[in-house]
N, C-alpha and C. Protein backbone atom coordinates (compact mmCIF):
# COMPACT_ATOMS: atom_id res chain seq x y z
N MET A 1 32.26 1.03 -26.99
CA MET A 1 32.63 1.96 -25.93
C MET A 1 34.15 2.13 -25.97
N ASP A 2 34.62 3.35 -26.05
CA ASP A 2 36.04 3.64 -26.11
C ASP A 2 36.59 3.76 -24.68
N LEU A 3 37.18 2.65 -24.19
CA LEU A 3 37.66 2.60 -22.81
C LEU A 3 38.85 3.53 -22.58
N ASP A 4 39.69 3.69 -23.59
CA ASP A 4 40.82 4.62 -23.45
C ASP A 4 40.34 6.05 -23.23
N ARG A 5 39.31 6.43 -23.97
CA ARG A 5 38.75 7.78 -23.83
C ARG A 5 38.11 7.95 -22.45
N LEU A 6 37.37 6.91 -22.00
CA LEU A 6 36.76 6.98 -20.66
C LEU A 6 37.83 7.15 -19.59
N PHE A 7 38.90 6.39 -19.73
CA PHE A 7 39.99 6.48 -18.76
C PHE A 7 40.58 7.89 -18.76
N ALA A 8 40.88 8.40 -19.92
CA ALA A 8 41.49 9.73 -20.04
C ALA A 8 40.58 10.81 -19.46
N GLU A 9 39.29 10.69 -19.71
CA GLU A 9 38.35 11.73 -19.28
C GLU A 9 37.99 11.66 -17.79
N HIS A 10 37.99 10.45 -17.22
CA HIS A 10 37.42 10.31 -15.88
C HIS A 10 38.40 9.84 -14.80
N TYR A 11 39.59 9.42 -15.17
CA TYR A 11 40.51 8.86 -14.18
C TYR A 11 40.81 9.85 -13.04
N ASP A 12 41.16 11.08 -13.39
CA ASP A 12 41.51 12.06 -12.36
C ASP A 12 40.34 12.33 -11.41
N SER A 13 39.13 12.39 -11.94
CA SER A 13 37.98 12.65 -11.06
C SER A 13 37.68 11.45 -10.17
N VAL A 14 37.96 10.25 -10.64
CA VAL A 14 37.77 9.06 -9.79
C VAL A 14 38.82 9.04 -8.69
N VAL A 15 40.06 9.39 -9.02
CA VAL A 15 41.11 9.49 -7.98
C VAL A 15 40.68 10.52 -6.95
N TRP A 16 40.19 11.66 -7.41
CA TRP A 16 39.75 12.72 -6.50
C TRP A 16 38.57 12.26 -5.64
N PHE A 17 37.68 11.46 -6.19
CA PHE A 17 36.55 10.87 -5.44
C PHE A 17 37.09 10.13 -4.21
N PHE A 18 38.12 9.30 -4.41
CA PHE A 18 38.67 8.55 -3.29
C PHE A 18 39.45 9.45 -2.33
N ARG A 19 40.13 10.46 -2.84
CA ARG A 19 40.85 11.40 -1.98
C ARG A 19 39.86 12.12 -1.06
N ARG A 20 38.71 12.54 -1.62
CA ARG A 20 37.68 13.22 -0.82
C ARG A 20 37.11 12.30 0.25
N HIS A 21 37.22 11.00 0.04
CA HIS A 21 36.73 10.06 1.04
C HIS A 21 37.79 9.68 2.06
N GLY A 22 38.90 10.42 2.08
CA GLY A 22 39.88 10.26 3.15
C GLY A 22 41.03 9.30 2.87
N PHE A 23 41.14 8.81 1.66
CA PHE A 23 42.24 7.91 1.34
C PHE A 23 43.48 8.71 1.00
N THR A 24 44.64 8.11 1.25
CA THR A 24 45.89 8.76 0.86
C THR A 24 45.97 8.80 -0.66
N HIS A 25 46.92 9.57 -1.17
CA HIS A 25 47.05 9.67 -2.62
C HIS A 25 47.33 8.29 -3.24
N GLN A 26 48.23 7.53 -2.63
CA GLN A 26 48.56 6.21 -3.18
C GLN A 26 47.36 5.27 -3.11
N GLU A 27 46.63 5.30 -1.99
CA GLU A 27 45.42 4.46 -1.87
C GLU A 27 44.39 4.86 -2.93
N ALA A 28 44.24 6.17 -3.14
CA ALA A 28 43.28 6.66 -4.14
C ALA A 28 43.66 6.18 -5.53
N LEU A 29 44.96 6.20 -5.84
CA LEU A 29 45.42 5.70 -7.14
C LEU A 29 45.10 4.21 -7.30
N ASP A 30 45.36 3.44 -6.24
CA ASP A 30 45.08 2.00 -6.28
C ASP A 30 43.58 1.72 -6.44
N LEU A 31 42.76 2.46 -5.70
CA LEU A 31 41.31 2.25 -5.78
C LEU A 31 40.75 2.71 -7.12
N ALA A 32 41.31 3.78 -7.67
CA ALA A 32 40.88 4.22 -9.00
C ALA A 32 41.25 3.15 -10.03
N GLN A 33 42.43 2.57 -9.89
CA GLN A 33 42.85 1.49 -10.79
C GLN A 33 41.89 0.31 -10.70
N GLU A 34 41.52 -0.05 -9.48
CA GLU A 34 40.55 -1.13 -9.27
C GLU A 34 39.21 -0.78 -9.93
N SER A 35 38.79 0.47 -9.79
CA SER A 35 37.53 0.91 -10.40
C SER A 35 37.58 0.76 -11.91
N PHE A 36 38.68 1.19 -12.53
CA PHE A 36 38.77 1.11 -13.99
C PHE A 36 38.96 -0.32 -14.48
N LEU A 37 39.52 -1.17 -13.66
CA LEU A 37 39.55 -2.60 -14.01
C LEU A 37 38.13 -3.13 -14.08
N ARG A 38 37.31 -2.78 -13.09
CA ARG A 38 35.91 -3.22 -13.09
C ARG A 38 35.13 -2.60 -14.25
N ILE A 39 35.44 -1.36 -14.57
CA ILE A 39 34.79 -0.71 -15.71
C ILE A 39 35.13 -1.46 -16.99
N HIS A 40 36.40 -1.80 -17.13
CA HIS A 40 36.85 -2.55 -18.31
C HIS A 40 36.15 -3.90 -18.39
N LEU A 41 36.09 -4.60 -17.26
CA LEU A 41 35.46 -5.93 -17.24
C LEU A 41 33.95 -5.86 -17.46
N GLY A 42 33.33 -4.76 -17.04
CA GLY A 42 31.88 -4.64 -17.15
C GLY A 42 31.40 -3.85 -18.34
N ALA A 43 32.31 -3.39 -19.19
CA ALA A 43 31.94 -2.52 -20.31
C ALA A 43 30.94 -3.17 -21.25
N GLU A 44 31.10 -4.46 -21.50
CA GLU A 44 30.16 -5.13 -22.41
C GLU A 44 28.75 -5.18 -21.83
N GLY A 45 28.64 -5.18 -20.51
CA GLY A 45 27.33 -5.25 -19.87
C GLY A 45 26.66 -3.90 -19.70
N PHE A 46 27.36 -2.82 -20.02
CA PHE A 46 26.77 -1.48 -19.88
C PHE A 46 25.68 -1.31 -20.92
N ARG A 47 24.44 -1.12 -20.45
CA ARG A 47 23.28 -1.05 -21.33
C ARG A 47 22.97 0.37 -21.80
N GLY A 48 23.57 1.35 -21.17
CA GLY A 48 23.30 2.73 -21.56
C GLY A 48 22.04 3.29 -20.93
N ASP A 49 21.53 2.60 -19.88
CA ASP A 49 20.33 3.10 -19.19
C ASP A 49 20.61 4.39 -18.42
N SER A 50 21.86 4.60 -18.07
CA SER A 50 22.23 5.81 -17.35
C SER A 50 23.40 6.47 -18.07
N ASP A 51 23.74 7.65 -17.62
CA ASP A 51 24.88 8.37 -18.15
C ASP A 51 26.15 7.59 -17.81
N VAL A 52 27.13 7.60 -18.70
CA VAL A 52 28.38 6.88 -18.48
C VAL A 52 29.06 7.37 -17.20
N LYS A 53 29.05 8.67 -16.96
CA LYS A 53 29.68 9.24 -15.77
C LYS A 53 29.01 8.69 -14.50
N THR A 54 27.70 8.57 -14.52
CA THR A 54 26.97 8.01 -13.38
C THR A 54 27.38 6.57 -13.17
N TRP A 55 27.47 5.80 -14.25
CA TRP A 55 27.87 4.39 -14.19
C TRP A 55 29.28 4.27 -13.58
N ILE A 56 30.19 5.13 -13.99
CA ILE A 56 31.55 5.11 -13.47
C ILE A 56 31.55 5.39 -11.97
N TYR A 57 30.76 6.38 -11.55
CA TYR A 57 30.73 6.72 -10.13
C TYR A 57 30.05 5.64 -9.30
N VAL A 58 29.09 4.94 -9.86
CA VAL A 58 28.47 3.82 -9.14
C VAL A 58 29.52 2.74 -8.91
N ILE A 59 30.32 2.46 -9.92
CA ILE A 59 31.38 1.46 -9.77
C ILE A 59 32.40 1.93 -8.73
N ALA A 60 32.81 3.19 -8.80
CA ALA A 60 33.77 3.73 -7.82
C ALA A 60 33.18 3.66 -6.41
N ALA A 61 31.90 3.96 -6.27
CA ALA A 61 31.24 3.90 -4.96
C ALA A 61 31.22 2.46 -4.44
N ASN A 62 31.01 1.50 -5.32
CA ASN A 62 31.05 0.10 -4.92
C ASN A 62 32.45 -0.32 -4.48
N VAL A 63 33.46 0.13 -5.19
CA VAL A 63 34.85 -0.15 -4.80
C VAL A 63 35.12 0.48 -3.43
N TYR A 64 34.65 1.70 -3.23
CA TYR A 64 34.80 2.39 -1.95
C TYR A 64 34.16 1.56 -0.82
N ARG A 65 32.91 1.14 -1.01
CA ARG A 65 32.21 0.36 0.02
C ARG A 65 32.93 -0.95 0.30
N ASN A 66 33.42 -1.61 -0.73
CA ASN A 66 34.15 -2.86 -0.53
C ASN A 66 35.43 -2.64 0.27
N GLU A 67 36.12 -1.53 -0.01
CA GLU A 67 37.35 -1.23 0.72
C GLU A 67 37.05 -0.94 2.18
N ILE A 68 35.98 -0.22 2.45
CA ILE A 68 35.59 0.07 3.83
C ILE A 68 35.25 -1.24 4.56
N ARG A 69 34.50 -2.11 3.90
CA ARG A 69 34.17 -3.42 4.50
C ARG A 69 35.44 -4.22 4.78
N ARG A 70 36.38 -4.21 3.84
CA ARG A 70 37.62 -4.95 4.01
C ARG A 70 38.40 -4.41 5.21
N ARG A 71 38.45 -3.10 5.34
CA ARG A 71 39.18 -2.49 6.46
C ARG A 71 38.51 -2.78 7.79
N ARG A 72 37.19 -2.79 7.81
CA ARG A 72 36.48 -3.12 9.05
C ARG A 72 36.77 -4.56 9.46
N ALA A 73 36.79 -5.45 8.48
CA ALA A 73 37.08 -6.85 8.77
C ALA A 73 38.50 -7.00 9.31
N LEU A 74 39.45 -6.26 8.75
CA LEU A 74 40.83 -6.31 9.25
C LEU A 74 40.90 -5.81 10.69
N ARG A 75 40.17 -4.73 10.97
CA ARG A 75 40.16 -4.19 12.34
C ARG A 75 39.56 -5.19 13.31
N ARG A 76 38.48 -5.85 12.88
CA ARG A 76 37.81 -6.83 13.73
C ARG A 76 38.74 -7.98 14.06
N ASP A 77 39.54 -8.37 13.09
CA ASP A 77 40.42 -9.52 13.25
C ASP A 77 41.78 -9.16 13.83
N ALA A 78 42.03 -7.88 14.07
CA ALA A 78 43.33 -7.44 14.57
C ALA A 78 43.56 -7.92 16.00
N ALA A 79 44.80 -8.15 16.33
CA ALA A 79 45.16 -8.58 17.68
C ALA A 79 44.98 -7.42 18.64
N GLU A 80 44.51 -7.73 19.85
CA GLU A 80 44.38 -6.70 20.88
C GLU A 80 45.74 -6.46 21.52
N VAL A 81 46.03 -5.22 21.83
CA VAL A 81 47.29 -4.86 22.47
C VAL A 81 46.96 -4.16 23.77
N SER A 82 47.55 -4.65 24.83
CA SER A 82 47.31 -4.09 26.15
C SER A 82 48.07 -2.78 26.33
N LEU A 83 47.41 -1.79 26.91
CA LEU A 83 48.08 -0.53 27.23
C LEU A 83 49.02 -0.71 28.41
N ASP A 84 48.80 -1.76 29.20
CA ASP A 84 49.62 -2.01 30.38
C ASP A 84 50.78 -2.96 30.08
N GLU A 85 50.92 -3.35 28.84
CA GLU A 85 51.95 -4.29 28.44
C GLU A 85 53.33 -3.76 28.80
N PRO A 86 54.20 -4.64 29.33
CA PRO A 86 55.55 -4.17 29.66
C PRO A 86 56.33 -3.77 28.42
N ALA A 87 57.40 -3.04 28.64
CA ALA A 87 58.22 -2.56 27.54
C ALA A 87 58.83 -3.71 26.76
N ASP A 88 59.01 -3.50 25.47
CA ASP A 88 59.67 -4.49 24.62
C ASP A 88 61.14 -4.55 24.97
N ALA A 89 61.71 -5.72 24.86
CA ALA A 89 63.14 -5.88 25.10
C ALA A 89 63.94 -5.15 24.02
N GLU A 90 63.38 -5.11 22.78
CA GLU A 90 64.11 -4.52 21.66
C GLU A 90 64.39 -3.04 21.85
N ASP A 91 63.34 -2.27 22.06
CA ASP A 91 63.56 -0.83 22.11
C ASP A 91 63.29 -0.21 23.48
N GLY A 92 62.88 -1.04 24.45
CA GLY A 92 62.67 -0.53 25.79
C GLY A 92 61.41 0.29 25.95
N ARG A 93 60.56 0.34 24.92
CA ARG A 93 59.32 1.13 25.00
C ARG A 93 58.12 0.20 25.04
N GLY A 94 57.12 0.56 25.81
CA GLY A 94 55.88 -0.19 25.87
C GLY A 94 54.98 0.14 24.70
N SER A 95 53.87 -0.60 24.59
CA SER A 95 52.97 -0.38 23.45
C SER A 95 52.33 1.00 23.48
N LEU A 96 52.05 1.54 24.67
CA LEU A 96 51.47 2.87 24.75
C LEU A 96 52.43 3.91 24.18
N GLU A 97 53.70 3.77 24.54
CA GLU A 97 54.70 4.69 24.01
C GLU A 97 54.83 4.55 22.49
N ARG A 98 54.83 3.30 22.01
CA ARG A 98 54.93 3.07 20.56
C ARG A 98 53.74 3.68 19.85
N ASN A 99 52.55 3.48 20.40
CA ASN A 99 51.35 4.04 19.77
C ASN A 99 51.38 5.56 19.77
N ALA A 100 51.85 6.16 20.87
CA ALA A 100 51.92 7.62 20.95
C ALA A 100 52.96 8.15 19.95
N ALA A 101 54.08 7.46 19.85
CA ALA A 101 55.12 7.89 18.91
C ALA A 101 54.61 7.78 17.48
N ALA A 102 53.88 6.71 17.18
CA ALA A 102 53.34 6.54 15.83
C ALA A 102 52.33 7.63 15.51
N ALA A 103 51.49 7.98 16.49
CA ALA A 103 50.49 9.02 16.26
C ALA A 103 51.14 10.38 16.05
N ALA A 104 52.23 10.62 16.78
CA ALA A 104 52.91 11.91 16.67
C ALA A 104 53.65 12.04 15.35
N SER A 105 54.07 10.92 14.79
CA SER A 105 54.84 11.01 13.54
C SER A 105 53.88 11.17 12.36
N GLY A 106 53.86 12.37 11.83
CA GLY A 106 53.09 12.62 10.62
C GLY A 106 51.68 13.14 10.85
N ARG A 107 51.12 13.04 12.06
CA ARG A 107 49.75 13.51 12.28
C ARG A 107 49.66 14.23 13.61
N GLN A 108 48.99 15.33 13.59
CA GLN A 108 48.72 16.05 14.83
C GLN A 108 47.43 15.51 15.42
N LEU A 109 47.25 15.69 16.74
CA LEU A 109 46.04 15.20 17.39
C LEU A 109 44.78 15.81 16.80
N GLU A 110 44.87 17.08 16.39
CA GLU A 110 43.69 17.72 15.80
C GLU A 110 43.28 17.03 14.51
N GLN A 111 44.28 16.63 13.72
CA GLN A 111 43.97 15.94 12.46
C GLN A 111 43.33 14.60 12.75
N LEU A 112 43.82 13.92 13.79
CA LEU A 112 43.23 12.63 14.15
C LEU A 112 41.78 12.80 14.60
N ALA A 113 41.53 13.85 15.39
CA ALA A 113 40.17 14.10 15.86
C ALA A 113 39.24 14.42 14.70
N ALA A 114 39.70 15.25 13.77
CA ALA A 114 38.87 15.59 12.60
C ALA A 114 38.60 14.36 11.75
N ARG A 115 39.62 13.54 11.57
CA ARG A 115 39.45 12.31 10.77
C ARG A 115 38.47 11.37 11.48
N ASP A 116 38.57 11.29 12.81
CA ASP A 116 37.67 10.43 13.57
C ASP A 116 36.23 10.88 13.40
N ASP A 117 36.00 12.20 13.45
CA ASP A 117 34.65 12.73 13.25
C ASP A 117 34.14 12.39 11.85
N LEU A 118 35.02 12.51 10.87
CA LEU A 118 34.64 12.19 9.49
C LEU A 118 34.33 10.71 9.35
N LEU A 119 35.13 9.85 9.97
CA LEU A 119 34.88 8.41 9.90
C LEU A 119 33.57 8.05 10.60
N ARG A 120 33.30 8.71 11.73
CA ARG A 120 32.03 8.48 12.43
C ARG A 120 30.86 8.85 11.52
N LEU A 121 31.00 10.00 10.86
CA LEU A 121 29.93 10.44 9.96
C LEU A 121 29.74 9.45 8.82
N ARG A 122 30.84 8.97 8.24
CA ARG A 122 30.74 8.00 7.14
C ARG A 122 30.07 6.71 7.58
N ARG A 123 30.28 6.30 8.83
CA ARG A 123 29.63 5.09 9.33
C ARG A 123 28.13 5.30 9.49
N LEU A 124 27.72 6.55 9.69
CA LEU A 124 26.31 6.83 9.93
C LEU A 124 25.50 7.01 8.64
N VAL A 125 26.14 7.45 7.57
CA VAL A 125 25.42 7.71 6.32
C VAL A 125 24.64 6.49 5.84
N PRO A 126 25.17 5.26 5.94
CA PRO A 126 24.39 4.10 5.49
C PRO A 126 23.10 3.86 6.29
N ARG A 127 22.95 4.52 7.41
CA ARG A 127 21.72 4.38 8.19
C ARG A 127 20.59 5.27 7.67
N LEU A 128 20.91 6.14 6.72
CA LEU A 128 19.87 6.97 6.10
C LEU A 128 19.06 6.12 5.12
N PRO A 129 17.81 6.53 4.83
CA PRO A 129 17.05 5.81 3.80
C PRO A 129 17.81 5.85 2.47
N PRO A 130 17.69 4.81 1.63
CA PRO A 130 18.50 4.69 0.42
C PRO A 130 18.51 5.91 -0.50
N ARG A 131 17.35 6.47 -0.81
CA ARG A 131 17.32 7.62 -1.72
C ARG A 131 17.99 8.83 -1.08
N MET A 132 17.71 9.06 0.20
CA MET A 132 18.30 10.19 0.92
C MET A 132 19.83 10.01 0.97
N GLN A 133 20.27 8.81 1.20
CA GLN A 133 21.70 8.49 1.25
C GLN A 133 22.36 8.81 -0.09
N GLN A 134 21.73 8.39 -1.17
CA GLN A 134 22.30 8.62 -2.50
C GLN A 134 22.36 10.12 -2.81
N ILE A 135 21.30 10.84 -2.52
CA ILE A 135 21.28 12.29 -2.76
C ILE A 135 22.34 12.98 -1.91
N PHE A 136 22.44 12.60 -0.65
CA PHE A 136 23.42 13.20 0.26
C PHE A 136 24.84 12.95 -0.25
N ARG A 137 25.12 11.75 -0.69
CA ARG A 137 26.46 11.43 -1.19
C ARG A 137 26.78 12.17 -2.49
N LEU A 138 25.79 12.29 -3.36
CA LEU A 138 26.02 13.04 -4.60
C LEU A 138 26.40 14.49 -4.29
N ARG A 139 25.76 15.05 -3.28
CA ARG A 139 26.02 16.44 -2.92
C ARG A 139 27.34 16.58 -2.16
N MET A 140 27.54 15.76 -1.14
CA MET A 140 28.69 15.93 -0.26
C MET A 140 29.97 15.32 -0.83
N SER A 141 29.89 14.15 -1.41
CA SER A 141 31.10 13.48 -1.88
C SER A 141 31.49 13.90 -3.28
N GLN A 142 30.49 14.07 -4.13
CA GLN A 142 30.79 14.41 -5.52
C GLN A 142 30.59 15.89 -5.81
N GLN A 143 30.09 16.62 -4.82
CA GLN A 143 29.85 18.06 -4.94
C GLN A 143 29.03 18.41 -6.17
N ARG A 144 28.01 17.61 -6.41
CA ARG A 144 27.11 17.88 -7.54
C ARG A 144 26.17 19.01 -7.15
N SER A 145 25.72 19.76 -8.15
CA SER A 145 24.76 20.84 -7.90
C SER A 145 23.38 20.23 -7.64
N TYR A 146 22.50 21.03 -7.04
CA TYR A 146 21.14 20.56 -6.82
C TYR A 146 20.49 20.15 -8.14
N GLN A 147 20.72 20.95 -9.17
CA GLN A 147 20.13 20.66 -10.48
C GLN A 147 20.64 19.34 -11.04
N GLU A 148 21.95 19.10 -10.94
CA GLU A 148 22.53 17.84 -11.43
C GLU A 148 21.93 16.64 -10.70
N ILE A 149 21.83 16.78 -9.38
CA ILE A 149 21.29 15.69 -8.57
C ILE A 149 19.84 15.44 -8.95
N ALA A 150 19.07 16.51 -9.10
CA ALA A 150 17.65 16.37 -9.48
C ALA A 150 17.53 15.64 -10.81
N SER A 151 18.40 15.99 -11.74
CA SER A 151 18.38 15.35 -13.05
C SER A 151 18.77 13.88 -12.95
N LEU A 152 19.85 13.59 -12.22
CA LEU A 152 20.29 12.21 -12.07
C LEU A 152 19.26 11.33 -11.37
N MET A 153 18.64 11.89 -10.33
CA MET A 153 17.70 11.12 -9.51
C MET A 153 16.26 11.20 -10.04
N GLN A 154 16.05 12.04 -11.03
CA GLN A 154 14.73 12.24 -11.63
C GLN A 154 13.69 12.68 -10.58
N VAL A 155 14.10 13.71 -9.82
CA VAL A 155 13.23 14.33 -8.82
C VAL A 155 13.35 15.85 -8.98
N SER A 156 12.53 16.59 -8.26
CA SER A 156 12.61 18.05 -8.34
C SER A 156 13.79 18.58 -7.52
N VAL A 157 14.21 19.79 -7.84
CA VAL A 157 15.28 20.44 -7.10
C VAL A 157 14.85 20.62 -5.64
N GLN A 158 13.57 20.94 -5.43
CA GLN A 158 13.06 21.11 -4.07
C GLN A 158 13.18 19.81 -3.27
N THR A 159 12.92 18.68 -3.92
CA THR A 159 13.06 17.39 -3.25
C THR A 159 14.53 17.16 -2.86
N VAL A 160 15.44 17.52 -3.74
CA VAL A 160 16.87 17.38 -3.44
C VAL A 160 17.23 18.21 -2.22
N LYS A 161 16.81 19.48 -2.21
CA LYS A 161 17.11 20.36 -1.08
C LYS A 161 16.53 19.79 0.22
N SER A 162 15.31 19.32 0.15
CA SER A 162 14.64 18.77 1.32
C SER A 162 15.36 17.52 1.83
N GLN A 163 15.74 16.62 0.92
CA GLN A 163 16.42 15.39 1.31
C GLN A 163 17.79 15.69 1.95
N ILE A 164 18.52 16.66 1.41
CA ILE A 164 19.82 17.02 1.97
C ILE A 164 19.64 17.63 3.36
N HIS A 165 18.65 18.50 3.50
CA HIS A 165 18.37 19.12 4.80
C HIS A 165 18.00 18.04 5.83
N GLN A 166 17.12 17.13 5.45
CA GLN A 166 16.71 16.05 6.36
C GLN A 166 17.88 15.14 6.71
N ALA A 167 18.72 14.84 5.72
CA ALA A 167 19.89 13.99 5.96
C ALA A 167 20.81 14.63 6.99
N ARG A 168 21.05 15.93 6.83
CA ARG A 168 21.92 16.64 7.79
C ARG A 168 21.33 16.60 9.20
N ARG A 169 20.04 16.84 9.30
CA ARG A 169 19.39 16.82 10.62
C ARG A 169 19.48 15.43 11.24
N ARG A 170 19.21 14.40 10.46
CA ARG A 170 19.28 13.03 10.99
C ARG A 170 20.70 12.67 11.43
N LEU A 171 21.68 13.03 10.61
CA LEU A 171 23.08 12.71 10.95
C LEU A 171 23.52 13.46 12.20
N GLU A 172 23.12 14.72 12.33
CA GLU A 172 23.45 15.48 13.54
C GLU A 172 22.83 14.82 14.76
N GLY A 173 21.60 14.37 14.62
CA GLY A 173 20.94 13.68 15.73
C GLY A 173 21.64 12.38 16.10
N MET A 174 22.07 11.62 15.09
CA MET A 174 22.78 10.37 15.34
C MET A 174 24.13 10.63 16.01
N LEU A 175 24.81 11.70 15.60
CA LEU A 175 26.10 12.02 16.21
C LEU A 175 25.93 12.39 17.68
N GLU A 176 24.80 13.01 18.01
CA GLU A 176 24.55 13.41 19.39
C GLU A 176 24.11 12.25 20.27
N GLU A 177 23.73 11.11 19.67
CA GLU A 177 23.25 9.97 20.43
C GLU A 177 24.30 9.40 21.38
N GLY A 178 25.54 9.52 20.98
CA GLY A 178 26.60 8.96 21.82
C GLY A 178 27.83 8.69 21.00
N PRO A 179 28.74 7.90 21.57
CA PRO A 179 29.99 7.59 20.87
C PRO A 179 29.72 6.99 19.50
N GLY A 180 30.16 7.68 18.48
CA GLY A 180 29.98 7.20 17.13
C GLY A 180 28.57 7.35 16.63
N GLY A 181 27.66 7.91 17.45
CA GLY A 181 26.27 8.02 17.05
C GLY A 181 25.63 6.67 16.87
N GLU A 182 26.18 5.67 17.56
CA GLU A 182 25.73 4.31 17.35
C GLU A 182 25.15 3.73 18.62
N ALA A 183 24.51 4.57 19.41
CA ALA A 183 23.91 4.10 20.65
C ALA A 183 22.86 3.05 20.35
N GLY A 184 22.85 2.02 21.15
CA GLY A 184 21.84 0.98 21.00
C GLY A 184 22.21 -0.09 20.00
N GLU A 185 23.37 -0.02 19.39
CA GLU A 185 23.74 -1.04 18.42
C GLU A 185 24.52 -2.13 19.10
């Protein structure tokens, strides 16, 4: 397996995969690098049961999931900050003011709201049945055609269309359930 050729042919699309998932350009570069490190380490174990491009995207998807898990763990372990906390002696501003200033620098509230909706949706996708989840991600994240997905998943185009339609309906229903679409959890 020519790893240099794989890198040259697929690196940009792997970076773009992470960008489409909401990572900054630098984060996407780092995650793509991590993906290709894993590709390099796992190259001897590649049996050729699937297309090389599919194998690369499976590795990138695993890196993506690991990064999301890592970030959730960091959030869980983060210190709580009171909104009523008195102002800091250093700058005379309280935590609410600091948080508002940080939000205003570089991001508009609309962008934050759109990103929040996207993050909520991403948290809900794993609640779909495995095959539906995979088909939905191939279509939405990788923008694969119905025909490509049908070929990759070894199902009919009609099944792909049906699974995507059902996934959208289920996700819309979950979003309507309540905050984060996670009512009852």
